[in-house]
Amino acid sequence: MRPFAWTWGLLICWSFRSAAIAQVAGGLTLEEAVRRALQVHPQVQAARARTGAAQAAGAEVGARRLPQFALSATATRFEEPMIVAPLHGFDIRNPPIFDRTLIQGSVNLSYTLFDGGARRGRVRAARAEAERARWEESAAEGGLIAEVARRYLEVLTASGIWDARREGVGALAAESVRVERALGEGRAARVQLLQVSAALAQARAEEVAAAGRLEVARNELARAIGLASWTEELGSLREVRMREAVLPDVEQLRRRARESNPDLVAAARRVEAARGSRAAALAQWLPQVDVVGGYLGFGSGQGDFVAEWQFGARLSYPLFAGGARAAAVRRAGYEVAAAEAIRGAVEQELMGALDRAIAAYREAEARVAAGTTAVAHFEELKRIEQLRLETGAGTELDFLRAEADLRRAQAALLEARHALLLSRIELARLTGELDAGWLAEHLEEVR
């Protein structure tokens, strides 16, 4: 029985030597995967385009605070001769010029001196919208980084489990051949062959499931970085871990989330934009004062060009607008109320998500601790069952059960370690810290 037991010992070591960590030589790193995803993912590209559009809109609205210059020119043909230039007096000795073709040109200047704060409100709203778009872009990038990290770690988990399943099948197949030979020589009982065969069938089913999980995980990661499907050119992924796996102070996390969470800050900018629009709507109840000026030129088809300047001020105030101004103010008020309610809902959801992420971190931390202990205990149990088998006090079934328990514990520990890392990344996303720089600062490759 000694050769049989030693074979099983080698099987355990061989099956799980690559289950704890993935291969690290070459291959796609997490930082590289994130960089590729940020370059090509449609969600981030759309967010960046919205930011650019909002910034352009803000510049467009801001330009209205400056003087406006306009150049115009016309050439008109009349049926009957028309006076060429305006009359500022009448001198019978110098009669005005008439011509059927009139040519006119002007350079006009206009500037609004007072509009009740309408421009200021519109600029305030536009700038807030641009800021909101920028924070929404940051939220999209953080969400994508977290999603790529999740898919990356899922590939690592699936790869480690599949390696163990695949190598375990190979070892069990070799053991089945050895036991069958020993049975033919009368050195093993038939029940041993049945037990190994059952374990081999189970291992093959687990290998198929692990291979399917790995294929799905790889393709999801490939699509996230802009590829149609996984390609072997990406190589083996590199295992990563936290440089310092310590949960920050909970109150500090909540304060950071309220101050820097992109979704919450974007919601606050939405409120600011709505208030600016309301200020612009209220300004419609006040008069508007403009200064205007220009340099005008007149001529005919025969020439006769003359020029003059003009300057003045204009006061305008609509006495009756059919209720449009009151409706605009009401609409703006409702939009402010809606924006404030949305901000409150976002903050409420954020605090709930933060609590869930903290709980997930603590749970994963406990699972890692428990999994480490469980692996150590199952390794000892496997060693004991191996000794019992060698001495004839144990059975093949007990040894196989101990080996299966150890395999499940090692897989659970691998998943728990990745869950701990993902929960820490999620906390960084919720507090607005997650970006490519955060990954480089807080994560390291396992060599």
Protein backbone atom coordinates (compact mmCIF):
# COMPACT_ATOMS: atom_id res chain seq x y z
CA MET A 1 0.00 0.00 0.00
CA ARG A 2 2.96 2.39 0.44
CA PRO A 3 3.47 3.10 -3.32
CA PHE A 4 -0.24 3.81 -3.66
CA ALA A 5 -0.23 6.32 -0.78
CA TRP A 6 2.90 8.08 -2.02
CA THR A 7 1.35 8.39 -5.45
CA TRP A 8 -1.63 10.17 -3.92
CA GLY A 9 0.69 12.51 -2.03
CA LEU A 10 2.44 13.47 -5.24
CA LEU A 11 -0.98 13.91 -6.87
CA ILE A 12 -2.01 16.49 -4.28
CA CYS A 13 1.19 18.50 -4.60
CA TRP A 14 1.07 18.35 -8.39
CA SER A 15 -2.62 19.22 -8.67
CA PHE A 16 -2.45 22.38 -6.56
CA ARG A 17 0.97 23.81 -7.17
CA SER A 18 -0.56 26.31 -9.63
CA ALA A 19 -3.98 26.71 -8.00
CA ALA A 20 -2.85 29.35 -5.50
CA ILE A 21 -1.40 31.77 -8.05
CA ALA A 22 -1.41 32.12 -11.82
CA GLN A 23 1.68 32.06 -13.98
CA VAL A 24 3.63 35.32 -13.79
CA ALA A 25 6.07 34.98 -16.68
CA GLY A 26 4.95 37.37 -19.39
CA GLY A 27 1.32 37.94 -20.20
CA LEU A 28 -1.22 40.70 -19.66
CA THR A 29 -0.96 42.72 -16.45
CA LEU A 30 -3.92 44.32 -14.69
CA GLU A 31 -2.56 47.80 -15.34
CA GLU A 32 -2.19 47.02 -19.04
CA ALA A 33 -5.73 45.62 -19.19
CA VAL A 34 -7.09 48.76 -17.53
CA ARG A 35 -5.13 51.03 -19.86
CA ARG A 36 -6.46 49.23 -22.93
CA ALA A 37 -10.03 49.30 -21.64
CA LEU A 38 -9.89 53.03 -20.89
CA GLN A 39 -8.73 53.66 -24.45
CA VAL A 40 -11.37 51.68 -26.30
CA HIS A 41 -14.41 51.02 -24.13
CA PRO A 42 -17.55 52.67 -25.63
CA GLN A 43 -18.94 53.72 -22.25
CA VAL A 44 -15.84 55.77 -21.42
CA GLN A 45 -15.60 57.16 -24.94
CA ALA A 46 -19.21 58.34 -24.71
CA ALA A 47 -18.55 59.95 -21.31
CA ARG A 48 -15.52 61.77 -22.69
CA ALA A 49 -17.53 63.00 -25.66
CA ARG A 50 -20.24 64.31 -23.32
CA THR A 51 -17.59 66.12 -21.31
CA GLY A 52 -16.23 67.75 -24.43
CA ALA A 53 -19.71 68.77 -25.55
CA ALA A 54 -20.53 70.24 -22.12
CA GLN A 55 -17.27 72.19 -22.04
CA ALA A 56 -17.96 73.56 -25.52
CA ALA A 57 -21.48 74.53 -24.44
CA GLY A 58 -20.03 76.36 -21.44
CA ALA A 59 -17.61 78.25 -23.66
CA GLU A 60 -20.49 79.12 -26.00
CA VAL A 61 -22.59 80.54 -23.17
CA GLY A 62 -19.63 82.33 -21.63
CA ALA A 63 -18.94 84.11 -24.92
CA ARG A 64 -22.22 85.98 -24.52
CA ARG A 65 -20.70 88.02 -21.70
CA LEU A 66 -18.37 89.69 -24.20
CA PRO A 67 -19.19 92.43 -26.74
CA GLN A 68 -20.59 91.13 -30.00
CA PHE A 69 -19.21 92.34 -33.32
CA ALA A 70 -21.00 91.66 -36.59
CA LEU A 71 -20.16 92.44 -40.18
CA SER A 72 -22.86 92.57 -42.83
CA ALA A 73 -23.09 93.56 -46.49
CA THR A 74 -25.98 93.61 -48.97
CA ALA A 75 -26.50 94.44 -52.63
CA THR A 76 -30.10 95.10 -53.71
CA ARG A 77 -31.59 95.81 -57.13
CA PHE A 78 -34.83 97.85 -57.16
CA GLU A 79 -37.45 98.27 -59.85
CA GLU A 80 -37.37 102.05 -59.39
CA PRO A 81 -34.42 104.20 -58.31
CA MET A 82 -33.96 104.29 -54.52
CA ILE A 83 -32.12 106.78 -52.36
CA VAL A 84 -28.58 105.57 -51.86
CA ALA A 85 -27.72 107.02 -48.43
CA PRO A 86 -29.84 108.19 -45.47
CA LEU A 87 -30.87 111.86 -45.50
CA HIS A 88 -29.68 113.91 -42.53
CA GLY A 89 -30.85 117.18 -44.07
CA PHE A 90 -31.99 118.59 -47.40
CA ASP A 91 -29.97 120.93 -49.53
CA ILE A 92 -31.57 121.79 -52.86
CA ARG A 93 -28.13 122.59 -54.26
CA ASN A 94 -26.95 119.03 -53.47
CA PRO A 95 -29.88 116.72 -54.14
CA PRO A 96 -29.65 113.11 -52.82
CA ILE A 97 -28.39 110.37 -55.08
CA PHE A 98 -30.84 107.77 -56.39
CA ASP A 99 -29.96 104.50 -58.04
CA ARG A 100 -31.65 101.18 -58.78
CA THR A 101 -28.67 99.24 -57.26
CA LEU A 102 -27.94 99.85 -53.63
CA ILE A 103 -24.86 98.54 -51.83
CA GLN A 104 -24.75 98.65 -48.04
CA GLY A 105 -22.27 97.41 -45.45
CA SER A 106 -21.87 97.74 -41.70
CA VAL A 107 -19.76 96.79 -38.73
CA ASN A 108 -21.96 96.62 -35.63
CA LEU A 109 -21.13 96.46 -31.96
CA SER A 110 -23.55 95.45 -29.21
CA TYR A 111 -23.10 94.81 -25.51
CA THR A 112 -25.62 94.05 -22.80
CA LEU A 113 -25.02 96.28 -19.81
CA PHE A 114 -27.78 94.81 -17.66
CA ASP A 115 -30.03 91.78 -18.05
CA GLY A 116 -31.05 91.09 -14.48
CA GLY A 117 -28.44 88.35 -14.05
CA ALA A 118 -29.65 86.18 -16.93
CA ARG A 119 -26.17 85.77 -18.45
CA ARG A 120 -24.61 85.10 -15.07
CA GLY A 121 -27.22 82.41 -14.38
CA ARG A 122 -26.72 80.76 -17.75
CA VAL A 123 -22.94 80.78 -17.36
CA ARG A 124 -23.27 79.34 -13.88
CA ALA A 125 -25.52 76.59 -15.20
CA ALA A 126 -23.26 75.82 -18.15
CA ARG A 127 -20.14 75.61 -16.01
CA ALA A 128 -21.92 73.35 -13.55
CA GLU A 129 -23.04 71.12 -16.41
CA ALA A 130 -19.47 70.92 -17.67
CA GLU A 131 -18.28 69.97 -14.19
CA ARG A 132 -21.05 67.40 -13.91
CA ALA A 133 -20.02 65.84 -17.21
CA ARG A 134 -16.41 65.70 -16.06
CA TRP A 135 -17.36 63.94 -12.82
CA GLU A 136 -19.61 61.55 -14.72
CA GLU A 137 -16.64 60.75 -16.93
CA SER A 138 -14.60 60.05 -13.80
CA ALA A 139 -17.40 57.80 -12.52
CA ALA A 140 -17.46 55.92 -15.83
CA GLU A 141 -13.70 55.41 -15.72
CA GLY A 142 -13.78 54.23 -12.11
CA GLY A 143 -16.61 51.84 -12.84
CA LEU A 144 -14.76 50.44 -15.83
CA ILE A 145 -11.55 49.97 -13.84
CA ALA A 146 -13.46 48.08 -11.16
CA GLU A 147 -15.19 45.94 -13.80
CA VAL A 148 -11.93 45.14 -15.59
CA ALA A 149 -10.33 44.23 -12.25
CA ARG A 150 -13.27 41.93 -11.48
CA ARG A 151 -12.98 40.20 -14.84
CA TYR A 152 -9.20 39.99 -14.57
CA LEU A 153 -9.38 38.33 -11.15
CA GLU A 154 -12.15 36.04 -12.35
CA VAL A 155 -9.79 34.81 -15.08
CA LEU A 156 -7.08 34.24 -12.47
CA THR A 157 -9.48 32.33 -10.23
CA ALA A 158 -10.86 30.23 -13.07
CA SER A 159 -7.37 29.60 -14.42
CA GLY A 160 -6.04 28.42 -11.09
CA ILE A 161 -9.00 26.09 -10.54
CA TRP A 162 -8.81 24.74 -14.10
CA ASP A 163 -5.08 24.05 -13.79
CA ALA A 164 -5.74 22.06 -10.63
CA ARG A 165 -8.63 20.15 -12.20
CA ARG A 166 -6.69 19.40 -15.39
CA GLU A 167 -3.56 18.24 -13.66
CA GLY A 168 -5.64 16.27 -11.16
CA VAL A 169 -7.33 14.41 -14.00
CA GLY A 170 -3.95 13.53 -15.44
CA ALA A 171 -2.68 12.26 -12.12
CA LEU A 172 -5.87 10.28 -11.44
CA ALA A 173 -5.69 8.73 -14.89
CA ALA A 174 -2.13 7.61 -14.21
CA GLU A 175 -3.17 6.29 -10.81
CA SER A 176 -6.05 4.39 -12.38
CA VAL A 177 -3.62 2.65 -14.72
CA ARG A 178 -1.32 1.79 -11.80
CA VAL A 179 -4.16 0.40 -9.63
CA GLU A 180 -5.52 -1.61 -12.54
CA ARG A 181 -2.08 -3.14 -13.07
CA ALA A 182 -1.77 -3.87 -9.35
CA LEU A 183 -5.22 -5.46 -9.39
CA GLY A 184 -4.14 -7.75 -12.22
CA GLU A 185 -1.11 -8.76 -10.20
CA GLY A 186 -3.22 -9.40 -7.12
CA ARG A 187 -1.67 -6.55 -5.10
CA ALA A 188 -4.81 -4.39 -4.90
CA ALA A 189 -8.49 -4.91 -4.24
CA ARG A 190 -11.14 -4.21 -6.85
CA VAL A 191 -12.76 -1.66 -4.55
CA GLN A 192 -9.65 0.50 -4.87
CA LEU A 193 -10.03 0.58 -8.64
CA LEU A 194 -13.70 1.48 -8.29
CA GLN A 195 -12.88 4.31 -5.91
CA VAL A 196 -10.18 5.72 -8.19
CA SER A 197 -12.46 5.39 -11.23
CA ALA A 198 -15.26 7.25 -9.46
CA ALA A 199 -12.83 9.98 -8.41
CA LEU A 200 -11.54 10.22 -11.98
CA ALA A 201 -15.05 10.58 -13.42
CA GLN A 202 -15.85 13.31 -10.92
CA ALA A 203 -12.56 15.07 -11.65
CA ARG A 204 -13.24 15.03 -15.39
CA ALA A 205 -16.66 16.60 -14.87
CA GLU A 206 -15.10 19.27 -12.66
CA GLU A 207 -12.44 19.88 -15.32
CA VAL A 208 -15.10 20.49 -17.99
CA ALA A 209 -16.94 22.93 -15.70
CA ALA A 210 -13.70 24.73 -14.84
CA ALA A 211 -12.73 24.97 -18.51
CA GLY A 212 -16.10 26.49 -19.39
CA ARG A 213 -15.84 29.01 -16.58
CA LEU A 214 -12.34 29.97 -17.71
CA GLU A 215 -13.42 30.40 -21.33
CA VAL A 216 -16.31 32.69 -20.37
CA ALA A 217 -14.08 34.74 -18.04
CA ARG A 218 -11.38 35.14 -20.67
CA ASN A 219 -13.82 36.26 -23.37
CA GLU A 220 -15.44 38.78 -21.02
CA LEU A 221 -12.03 40.26 -20.22
CA ALA A 222 -11.08 40.31 -23.90
CA ARG A 223 -14.25 42.23 -24.82
CA ALA A 224 -13.58 44.73 -22.05
CA ILE A 225 -10.19 45.59 -23.57
CA GLY A 226 -11.50 45.86 -27.12
CA LEU A 227 -10.99 42.35 -28.50
CA ALA A 228 -13.66 40.14 -30.02
CA SER A 229 -12.54 37.10 -28.02
CA TRP A 230 -9.61 35.77 -26.06
CA THR A 231 -6.37 35.20 -27.92
CA GLU A 232 -3.40 33.20 -26.72
CA GLU A 233 -1.18 36.18 -27.54
CA LEU A 234 -2.40 37.74 -24.29
CA GLY A 235 -0.57 34.99 -22.46
CA SER A 236 -1.00 34.08 -18.80
CA LEU A 237 -2.28 36.78 -16.46
CA ARG A 238 -0.19 37.89 -13.52
CA GLU A 239 -1.47 37.41 -10.00
CA VAL A 240 -1.82 40.63 -7.98
CA ARG A 241 -2.22 41.45 -4.30
CA MET A 242 -2.60 44.47 -2.04
CA ARG A 243 0.62 46.07 -0.87
CA GLU A 244 -1.06 46.75 2.48
CA ALA A 245 -4.30 44.84 3.08
CA VAL A 246 -5.70 47.05 5.84
CA LEU A 247 -9.25 48.41 5.92
CA PRO A 248 -9.19 52.22 6.37
CA ASP A 249 -11.20 53.83 9.16
CA VAL A 250 -14.91 53.55 8.40
CA GLU A 251 -15.71 57.17 9.26
CA GLN A 252 -12.86 58.28 7.07
CA LEU A 253 -14.26 56.21 4.20
CA ARG A 254 -17.68 57.81 4.63
CA ARG A 255 -16.19 61.29 4.68
CA ARG A 256 -14.16 60.62 1.53
CA ALA A 257 -17.23 59.21 -0.20
CA ARG A 258 -19.32 62.30 0.58
CA GLU A 259 -16.53 64.59 -0.60
CA SER A 260 -15.16 62.77 -3.64
CA ASN A 261 -17.54 60.13 -4.93
CA PRO A 262 -17.98 61.05 -8.62
CA ASP A 263 -21.68 60.20 -8.77
CA LEU A 264 -22.46 62.28 -5.69
CA VAL A 265 -20.36 65.23 -6.84
CA ALA A 266 -22.02 65.04 -10.27
CA ALA A 267 -25.43 65.12 -8.57
CA ALA A 268 -24.36 68.21 -6.62
CA ARG A 269 -23.28 69.89 -9.87
CA ARG A 270 -26.69 69.06 -11.31
CA VAL A 271 -28.24 71.03 -8.44
CA GLU A 272 -25.90 73.94 -9.14
CA ALA A 273 -26.84 73.92 -12.82
CA ALA A 274 -30.55 73.89 -11.98
CA ARG A 275 -30.12 76.85 -9.65
CA GLY A 276 -28.29 78.77 -12.35
CA SER A 277 -31.12 78.09 -14.77
CA ARG A 278 -33.62 79.29 -12.20
CA ALA A 279 -31.66 82.54 -11.74
CA ALA A 280 -31.73 83.04 -15.52
CA ALA A 281 -35.50 82.45 -15.54
CA LEU A 282 -36.07 84.98 -12.75
CA ALA A 283 -34.03 87.56 -14.66
CA GLN A 284 -36.72 87.67 -17.37
CA TRP A 285 -38.83 89.82 -15.01
CA LEU A 286 -36.23 92.62 -15.16
CA PRO A 287 -35.54 95.00 -18.06
CA GLN A 288 -32.55 94.61 -20.33
CA VAL A 289 -30.22 97.45 -21.26
CA ASP A 290 -27.94 97.24 -24.29
CA VAL A 291 -25.48 99.62 -25.89
CA VAL A 292 -25.21 99.47 -29.65
CA GLY A 293 -22.99 101.11 -32.19
CA GLY A 294 -21.80 100.68 -35.71
CA TYR A 295 -19.99 101.98 -38.73
CA LEU A 296 -22.18 101.98 -41.87
CA GLY A 297 -21.32 102.39 -45.53
CA PHE A 298 -23.68 103.15 -48.43
CA GLY A 299 -23.14 103.16 -52.16
CA SER A 300 -24.74 102.62 -55.55
CA GLY A 301 -23.92 100.61 -58.58
CA GLN A 302 -22.05 103.66 -59.88
CA GLY A 303 -19.98 104.07 -56.71
CA ASP A 304 -20.97 107.16 -54.71
CA PHE A 305 -19.81 105.56 -51.44
CA VAL A 306 -20.35 107.36 -48.13
CA ALA A 307 -19.90 106.19 -44.53
CA GLU A 308 -21.03 107.24 -41.07
CA TRP A 309 -21.05 105.97 -37.49
CA GLN A 310 -23.83 105.59 -34.96
CA PHE A 311 -24.04 104.87 -31.23
CA GLY A 312 -26.90 104.44 -28.79
CA ALA A 313 -28.53 102.59 -25.91
CA ARG A 314 -31.56 100.32 -25.97
CA LEU A 315 -33.96 99.47 -23.14
CA SER A 316 -36.32 96.53 -23.58
CA TYR A 317 -38.93 95.02 -21.31
CA PRO A 318 -41.79 92.73 -22.35
CA LEU A 319 -45.00 94.02 -20.80
CA PHE A 320 -46.93 90.86 -21.63
CA ALA A 321 -45.55 87.41 -22.46
CA GLY A 322 -48.68 85.29 -22.09
CA GLY A 323 -47.45 83.73 -18.84
CA ALA A 324 -44.26 82.37 -20.37
CA ARG A 325 -42.00 83.99 -17.78
CA ALA A 326 -44.00 82.69 -14.83
CA ALA A 327 -44.07 79.20 -16.36
CA ALA A 328 -40.32 79.30 -16.93
CA VAL A 329 -39.74 80.23 -13.29
CA ARG A 330 -42.01 77.42 -12.09
CA ARG A 331 -40.30 74.90 -14.36
CA ALA A 332 -36.87 75.98 -13.11
CA GLY A 333 -38.05 75.64 -9.52
CA TYR A 334 -39.26 72.11 -10.13
CA GLU A 335 -35.95 71.24 -11.78
CA VAL A 336 -34.07 72.49 -8.71
CA ALA A 337 -36.30 70.39 -6.45
CA ALA A 338 -35.80 67.33 -8.65
CA ALA A 339 -32.02 67.81 -8.74
CA GLU A 340 -31.89 68.12 -4.94
CA ALA A 341 -33.99 64.99 -4.55
CA ILE A 342 -31.71 63.11 -6.96
CA ARG A 343 -28.67 64.21 -4.99
CA GLY A 344 -30.29 62.93 -1.79
CA ALA A 345 -31.12 59.60 -3.43
CA VAL A 346 -27.57 59.24 -4.77
CA GLU A 347 -26.11 59.94 -1.34
CA GLN A 348 -28.45 57.44 0.27
CA GLU A 349 -27.54 54.77 -2.27
CA LEU A 350 -23.86 55.61 -1.88
CA MET A 351 -23.93 55.13 1.88
CA GLY A 352 -25.72 51.81 1.41
CA ALA A 353 -23.19 50.67 -1.19
CA LEU A 354 -20.36 51.73 1.09
CA ASP A 355 -21.80 49.73 3.98
CA ARG A 356 -22.16 46.70 1.72
CA ALA A 357 -18.58 47.07 0.46
CA ILE A 358 -17.24 47.35 4.02
CA ALA A 359 -19.21 44.26 5.01
CA ALA A 360 -17.94 42.42 1.92
CA TYR A 361 -14.37 43.36 2.80
CA ARG A 362 -14.74 42.09 6.37
CA GLU A 363 -16.43 38.92 5.15
CA ALA A 364 -13.69 38.27 2.59
CA GLU A 365 -11.06 38.98 5.23
CA ALA A 366 -12.70 36.42 7.53
CA ARG A 367 -12.97 33.95 4.65
CA VAL A 368 -9.26 34.33 3.91
CA ALA A 369 -8.37 33.73 7.54
CA ALA A 370 -10.75 30.76 7.79
CA GLY A 371 -9.61 29.41 4.43
CA THR A 372 -5.95 29.59 5.42
CA THR A 373 -6.72 27.66 8.60
CA ALA A 374 -8.90 25.19 6.72
CA VAL A 375 -6.20 24.48 4.14
CA ALA A 376 -3.65 23.89 6.88
CA HIS A 377 -6.04 21.54 8.72
CA PHE A 378 -7.00 19.62 5.59
CA GLU A 379 -3.35 19.25 4.66
CA GLU A 380 -2.73 17.73 8.07
CA LEU A 381 -5.82 15.55 7.71
CA LYS A 382 -4.62 14.36 4.32
CA ARG A 383 -1.24 13.55 5.82
CA ILE A 384 -2.88 11.55 8.60
CA GLU A 385 -5.09 9.64 6.17
CA GLN A 386 -2.04 8.93 4.07
CA LEU A 387 -0.24 7.46 7.09
CA ARG A 388 -3.32 5.43 8.04
CA LEU A 389 -3.50 4.12 4.49
CA GLU A 390 0.16 3.15 4.55
CA THR A 391 -0.26 1.24 7.79
CA GLY A 392 -3.48 -0.42 6.72
CA ALA A 393 -5.58 1.34 9.37
CA GLY A 394 -7.30 3.64 6.87
CA THR A 395 -9.24 3.19 3.67
CA GLU A 396 -8.87 4.50 0.16
CA LEU A 397 -12.24 6.24 0.48
CA ASP A 398 -11.16 8.23 3.55
CA PHE A 399 -8.00 9.33 1.78
CA LEU A 400 -9.92 10.39 -1.36
CA ARG A 401 -12.40 12.31 0.78
CA ALA A 402 -9.60 14.14 2.58
CA GLU A 403 -7.97 14.98 -0.74
CA ALA A 404 -11.27 16.32 -2.15
CA ASP A 405 -11.84 18.42 0.98
CA LEU A 406 -8.36 19.89 0.62
CA ARG A 407 -8.98 20.69 -3.05
CA ARG A 408 -12.22 22.50 -2.25
CA ALA A 409 -10.59 24.43 0.60
CA GLN A 410 -7.73 25.57 -1.63
CA ALA A 411 -10.18 26.73 -4.31
CA ALA A 412 -12.26 28.58 -1.71
CA LEU A 413 -9.14 30.28 -0.36
CA LEU A 414 -8.15 31.42 -3.85
CA GLU A 415 -11.61 32.90 -4.42
CA ALA A 416 -11.63 34.54 -0.97
CA ARG A 417 -8.31 36.27 -1.63
CA HIS A 418 -9.61 37.67 -4.89
CA ALA A 419 -12.89 38.71 -3.24
CA LEU A 420 -10.89 40.62 -0.61
CA LEU A 421 -8.98 42.43 -3.33
CA LEU A 422 -12.15 43.25 -5.26
CA SER A 423 -13.91 44.61 -2.17
CA ARG A 424 -10.95 46.93 -1.53
CA ILE A 425 -11.09 48.12 -5.13
CA GLU A 426 -14.81 48.74 -4.75
CA LEU A 427 -14.18 50.83 -1.64
CA ALA A 428 -11.67 52.90 -3.63
CA ARG A 429 -14.27 53.40 -6.37
CA LEU A 430 -16.94 54.52 -3.93
CA THR A 431 -14.60 57.02 -2.29
CA GLY A 432 -13.53 58.46 -5.64
CA GLU A 433 -9.93 57.28 -5.36
CA LEU A 434 -9.93 54.56 -8.00
CA ASP A 435 -7.90 55.28 -11.11
CA ALA A 436 -4.89 53.79 -12.86
CA GLY A 437 -2.57 55.58 -10.42
CA TRP A 438 -4.36 54.03 -7.44
CA LEU A 439 -3.84 50.56 -8.88
CA ALA A 440 -0.13 51.20 -9.36
CA GLU A 441 0.20 52.55 -5.82
CA HIS A 442 -1.80 49.92 -3.92
CA LEU A 443 -1.38 46.72 -5.96
CA GLU A 444 1.68 44.66 -6.79
CA GLU A 445 2.37 41.60 -8.87
CA VAL A 446 3.04 38.30 -7.16
CA ARG A 447 6.45 37.06 -8.28
